[in-house]
Protein backbone atom coordinates (compact mmCIF):
# COMPACT_ATOMS: atom_id res chain seq x y z
CA MET A 1 -19.58 -28.74 3.31
CA SER A 2 -20.86 -26.18 4.82
CA PRO A 3 -19.40 -22.74 6.88
CA ALA A 4 -19.73 -23.97 10.41
CA ASP A 5 -17.79 -27.92 9.40
CA ALA A 6 -14.70 -25.42 8.52
CA ASP A 7 -12.38 -24.73 11.31
CA ILE A 8 -11.79 -21.14 10.17
CA ALA A 9 -8.94 -20.34 11.77
CA THR A 10 -6.89 -24.00 10.49
CA LEU A 11 -8.46 -23.59 6.86
CA VAL A 12 -7.21 -19.54 6.56
CA ARG A 13 -3.94 -19.79 8.45
CA GLY A 14 -2.85 -22.66 6.06
CA TYR A 15 -4.05 -21.31 3.21
CA VAL A 16 -1.43 -18.30 4.14
CA GLU A 17 1.14 -21.40 5.16
CA GLY A 18 0.61 -23.16 2.16
CA THR A 19 -1.15 -26.01 3.83
CA VAL A 20 -4.07 -25.96 2.11
CA ASP A 21 -4.25 -25.67 -1.51
CA ASP A 22 -6.43 -23.65 -4.15
CA GLU A 23 -9.06 -26.34 -4.50
CA THR A 24 -10.04 -26.73 -1.18
CA MET A 25 -9.83 -22.98 -0.55
CA ILE A 26 -12.60 -22.69 -3.79
CA ARG A 27 -14.80 -25.05 -2.94
CA TRP A 28 -15.55 -23.29 1.12
CA LEU A 29 -15.95 -19.90 -0.58
CA LYS A 30 -18.59 -22.00 -3.11
CA VAL A 31 -20.27 -22.85 0.20
CA VAL A 32 -19.98 -19.68 1.49
CA PHE A 33 -21.56 -17.67 -1.57
CA GLU A 34 -24.35 -20.04 -2.19
CA HIS A 35 -24.95 -20.28 2.28
CA GLY A 36 -23.79 -17.32 3.78
CA LEU A 37 -21.77 -17.20 7.21
CA SER A 38 -23.44 -16.16 10.37
CA ALA A 39 -22.69 -13.46 12.68
CA ASP A 40 -20.09 -15.63 14.55
CA GLU A 41 -18.65 -17.22 11.67
CA THR A 42 -17.92 -13.61 10.17
CA TYR A 43 -16.35 -12.38 12.92
CA GLU A 44 -14.03 -15.12 13.57
CA LEU A 45 -13.53 -14.77 9.86
CA THR A 46 -12.43 -11.21 10.40
CA MET A 47 -10.37 -11.83 13.33
CA VAL A 48 -8.24 -14.42 11.74
CA MET A 49 -7.79 -12.78 8.80
CA ALA A 50 -6.65 -9.33 10.14
CA SER A 51 -4.28 -11.05 13.04
CA SER A 52 -2.68 -12.82 9.71
CA GLY A 53 -0.34 -10.14 8.70
CA HIS A 54 1.82 -7.31 10.61
CA VAL A 55 -0.45 -6.17 13.48
CA ILE A 56 0.91 -2.41 14.57
CA ASP A 57 0.80 -1.10 17.73
CA TRP A 58 -0.86 2.34 17.95
CA SER A 59 -1.63 2.12 22.21
CA GLY A 60 1.56 4.71 22.59
CA VAL A 61 -0.18 7.03 20.38
CA ARG A 62 -2.79 9.88 21.85
CA GLY A 63 -5.72 10.60 20.08
CA PRO A 64 -8.09 8.38 17.07
CA VAL A 65 -5.63 7.19 14.40
CA VAL A 66 -7.11 5.97 11.34
CA ASP A 67 -6.02 4.01 8.38
CA LYS A 68 -7.75 4.59 5.17
CA HIS A 69 -4.95 3.19 2.42
CA SER A 70 -7.46 1.78 -0.14
CA THR A 71 -10.39 3.22 -1.80
CA GLY A 72 -11.94 -0.19 -2.34
CA GLY A 73 -11.64 -0.25 -6.35
CA VAL A 74 -14.30 1.03 -8.64
CA GLY A 75 -17.05 2.84 -6.75
CA ASP A 76 -15.00 3.44 -4.20
CA LYS A 77 -17.51 1.30 -1.85
CA THR A 78 -15.44 0.62 1.31
CA SER A 79 -15.49 4.26 2.36
CA LEU A 80 -19.69 4.50 1.64
CA VAL A 81 -19.15 2.26 5.27
CA LEU A 82 -16.01 3.81 6.76
CA ALA A 83 -16.73 7.10 6.33
CA PRO A 84 -19.87 7.10 8.50
CA LEU A 85 -18.14 4.81 11.19
CA ALA A 86 -14.76 7.34 11.40
CA ALA A 87 -17.78 10.36 12.28
CA ALA A 88 -19.20 8.28 14.70
CA CYS A 89 -16.16 8.02 15.98
CA GLY A 90 -15.60 11.13 16.16
CA VAL A 91 -12.25 11.16 13.84
CA GLU A 92 -11.48 12.81 10.77
CA LEU A 93 -11.00 10.07 7.34
CA LEU A 94 -9.09 11.19 4.71
CA THR A 95 -8.84 9.31 1.93
CA GLY A 96 -7.16 9.77 -1.57
CA GLY A 97 -9.90 8.13 -3.58
CA SER A 98 -11.93 10.97 -4.61
CA ILE A 99 -9.05 13.68 -4.70
CA GLU A 100 -9.24 15.15 -7.98
CA PRO A 101 -5.89 14.69 -9.83
CA GLU A 102 -3.91 18.31 -10.16
CA ARG A 103 -5.15 18.58 -6.62
CA MET A 104 -3.25 15.25 -5.24
CA PRO A 105 0.39 17.60 -4.87
CA LEU A 106 -1.57 20.13 -2.88
CA TRP A 107 -1.98 16.92 -0.88
CA LEU A 108 1.12 15.23 -0.66
CA ASN A 109 3.16 18.35 0.37
CA ALA A 110 0.70 18.54 3.07
CA ALA A 111 2.25 14.97 4.44
CA ASN A 112 4.82 14.39 6.51
CA ALA A 113 5.81 11.36 4.95
CA VAL A 114 4.56 8.72 2.34
CA LEU A 115 4.00 4.89 3.51
CA VAL A 116 3.93 2.58 0.65
CA THR A 117 3.57 -0.80 2.73
CA SER A 118 2.72 -2.91 -0.39
CA ASP A 119 3.52 -6.42 -1.17
CA TYR A 120 3.93 -5.83 -4.38
CA GLU A 121 3.69 -2.90 -6.97
CA GLY A 122 4.18 -3.21 -10.83
CA PHE A 123 6.04 0.48 -10.58
CA GLY A 124 4.96 2.38 -7.91
CA ILE A 125 3.56 5.90 -8.76
CA ALA A 126 2.85 7.10 -5.41
CA ALA A 127 6.75 7.25 -4.16
CA VAL A 128 7.72 9.14 -7.40
CA GLU A 129 4.98 12.05 -6.77
CA ALA A 130 5.98 12.13 -2.86
CA LEU A 131 9.46 12.66 -4.35
CA ALA A 132 8.61 14.60 -6.78
CA CYS A 133 7.28 17.40 -3.88
CA GLU A 134 10.62 16.66 -1.54
CA VAL A 135 8.05 14.49 0.75
CA PRO A 136 9.96 11.69 2.91
CA VAL A 137 9.34 8.21 1.82
CA LEU A 138 9.13 5.11 3.31
CA SER A 139 8.63 2.25 1.21
CA THR A 140 8.20 -1.72 1.06
CA PRO A 141 11.42 -2.90 -1.75
CA VAL A 142 8.47 -2.96 -4.19
CA GLY A 143 8.30 -1.58 -7.71
CA VAL A 144 10.71 1.44 -8.81
CA ALA A 145 11.20 2.09 -4.96
CA PRO A 146 14.65 0.60 -4.38
CA HIS A 147 16.21 2.80 -7.52
CA ALA A 148 14.29 5.46 -6.72
CA LEU A 149 15.19 6.08 -2.95
CA GLY A 150 18.08 4.80 -2.93
CA GLY A 151 20.72 7.03 -1.50
CA ILE A 152 18.59 10.15 -1.13
CA ASP A 153 18.66 10.97 3.02
CA GLY A 154 15.38 10.95 4.71
CA CYS A 155 14.22 8.10 2.64
CA LEU A 156 13.76 4.24 3.52
CA CYS A 157 13.49 1.24 1.13
CA ALA A 158 13.40 -1.86 2.98
CA PRO A 159 11.23 -4.73 4.29
CA PHE A 160 8.62 -3.80 6.71
CA ASP A 161 9.32 -3.77 10.76
CA ALA A 162 7.42 -1.89 12.85
CA SER A 163 10.28 -1.01 15.05
CA VAL A 164 12.74 0.26 12.01
CA TRP A 165 9.65 1.92 10.27
CA ALA A 166 8.72 4.06 13.28
CA ALA A 167 12.29 4.94 14.35
CA ALA A 168 12.90 5.97 10.85
CA ALA A 169 9.23 7.94 10.75
CA GLY A 170 9.65 9.33 13.99
CA PRO A 171 11.26 13.11 12.97
CA HIS A 172 9.80 13.50 9.96
CA LEU A 173 6.68 13.59 12.41
CA ALA A 174 8.02 15.56 14.59
CA ALA A 175 8.93 17.89 11.96
CA GLU A 176 7.56 20.88 11.26
CA ASP A 177 7.87 20.70 6.94
CA PRO A 178 10.18 17.61 6.84
CA ARG A 179 11.75 17.48 3.12
CA VAL A 180 13.98 15.24 1.31
CA ALA A 181 15.75 16.41 -2.23
CA GLY A 182 13.75 13.77 -3.90
CA ALA A 183 12.92 16.21 -6.98
CA ALA A 184 15.84 15.36 -9.43
CA ARG A 185 15.43 11.56 -9.20
CA ALA A 186 11.38 11.98 -9.63
CA ALA A 187 12.20 13.90 -13.07
CA SER A 188 14.66 10.93 -13.96
CA LEU A 189 11.46 9.04 -13.73
CA SER A 190 9.23 11.19 -15.47
CA ALA A 191 7.05 9.85 -18.68
CA ALA A 192 8.78 12.42 -21.04
CA ARG A 193 12.48 11.46 -19.91
CA MET A 194 11.30 7.46 -19.48
CA ALA A 195 10.08 7.97 -23.06
CA GLU A 196 13.86 9.38 -24.32
CA ARG A 197 15.14 6.61 -22.76
CA ALA A 198 12.75 3.81 -24.93
CA ILE A 199 13.64 5.66 -27.88
CA GLU A 200 17.38 5.73 -27.46
CA ALA A 201 17.11 1.86 -27.10
CA TYR A 202 14.91 1.60 -30.15
CA ARG A 203 17.78 3.70 -32.27
CA ASP A 204 20.39 1.41 -30.49
CA VAL A 205 18.58 -1.82 -31.57
CA THR A 206 17.64 -0.19 -35.30
CA ALA A 207 21.39 0.84 -35.70
CA THR A 208 23.05 -2.73 -35.07
CA SER A 209 23.77 -5.10 -37.53
CA VAL A 210 21.77 -8.28 -37.65
CA LEU A 211 22.81 -11.32 -39.25
CA ASP A 212 20.21 -14.19 -40.65
């Protein structure tokens, strides 16, 4: 098998839909690793992957729109490519990857809203951090989000839907300094409070009689 022998669109879509198994995909990736892709194949793979999920239409927004939601993991290699591209296009690229932790609250407070569009989060600290700053949060129902955002006016916890999220985000984007009553909820999820609950749970367990 060579990369050219495979219909890239069929392969990627089949893998996403579950009709192409892991073994087949692994064999193809090994061939790509060993032989590479042509420019046309690289373009096709990129476009197929880009269209495999939700695609948001920003045509109604005036001015450049830049989404930089990941720093690319260790080394922040993604920004090395995107920063000059953004500069060449005349837009400002903002990323949280290089911000000192103690300065992050300043950036959060400057935001009209924090959006969490993840398919999975082990906990989801970004939502809690935003609530601590009383910044509105829109999140998919992952990690702690259903509990953290439930019942807080101005926040949304729902599967991603462009029209629903746009309607929820609209008032925040139009407001000069939108805020929600989230500080108390965030405090209940602080490390200190969770440690207290863990200690209480251990005490309850150790105080319970165990019969052999």
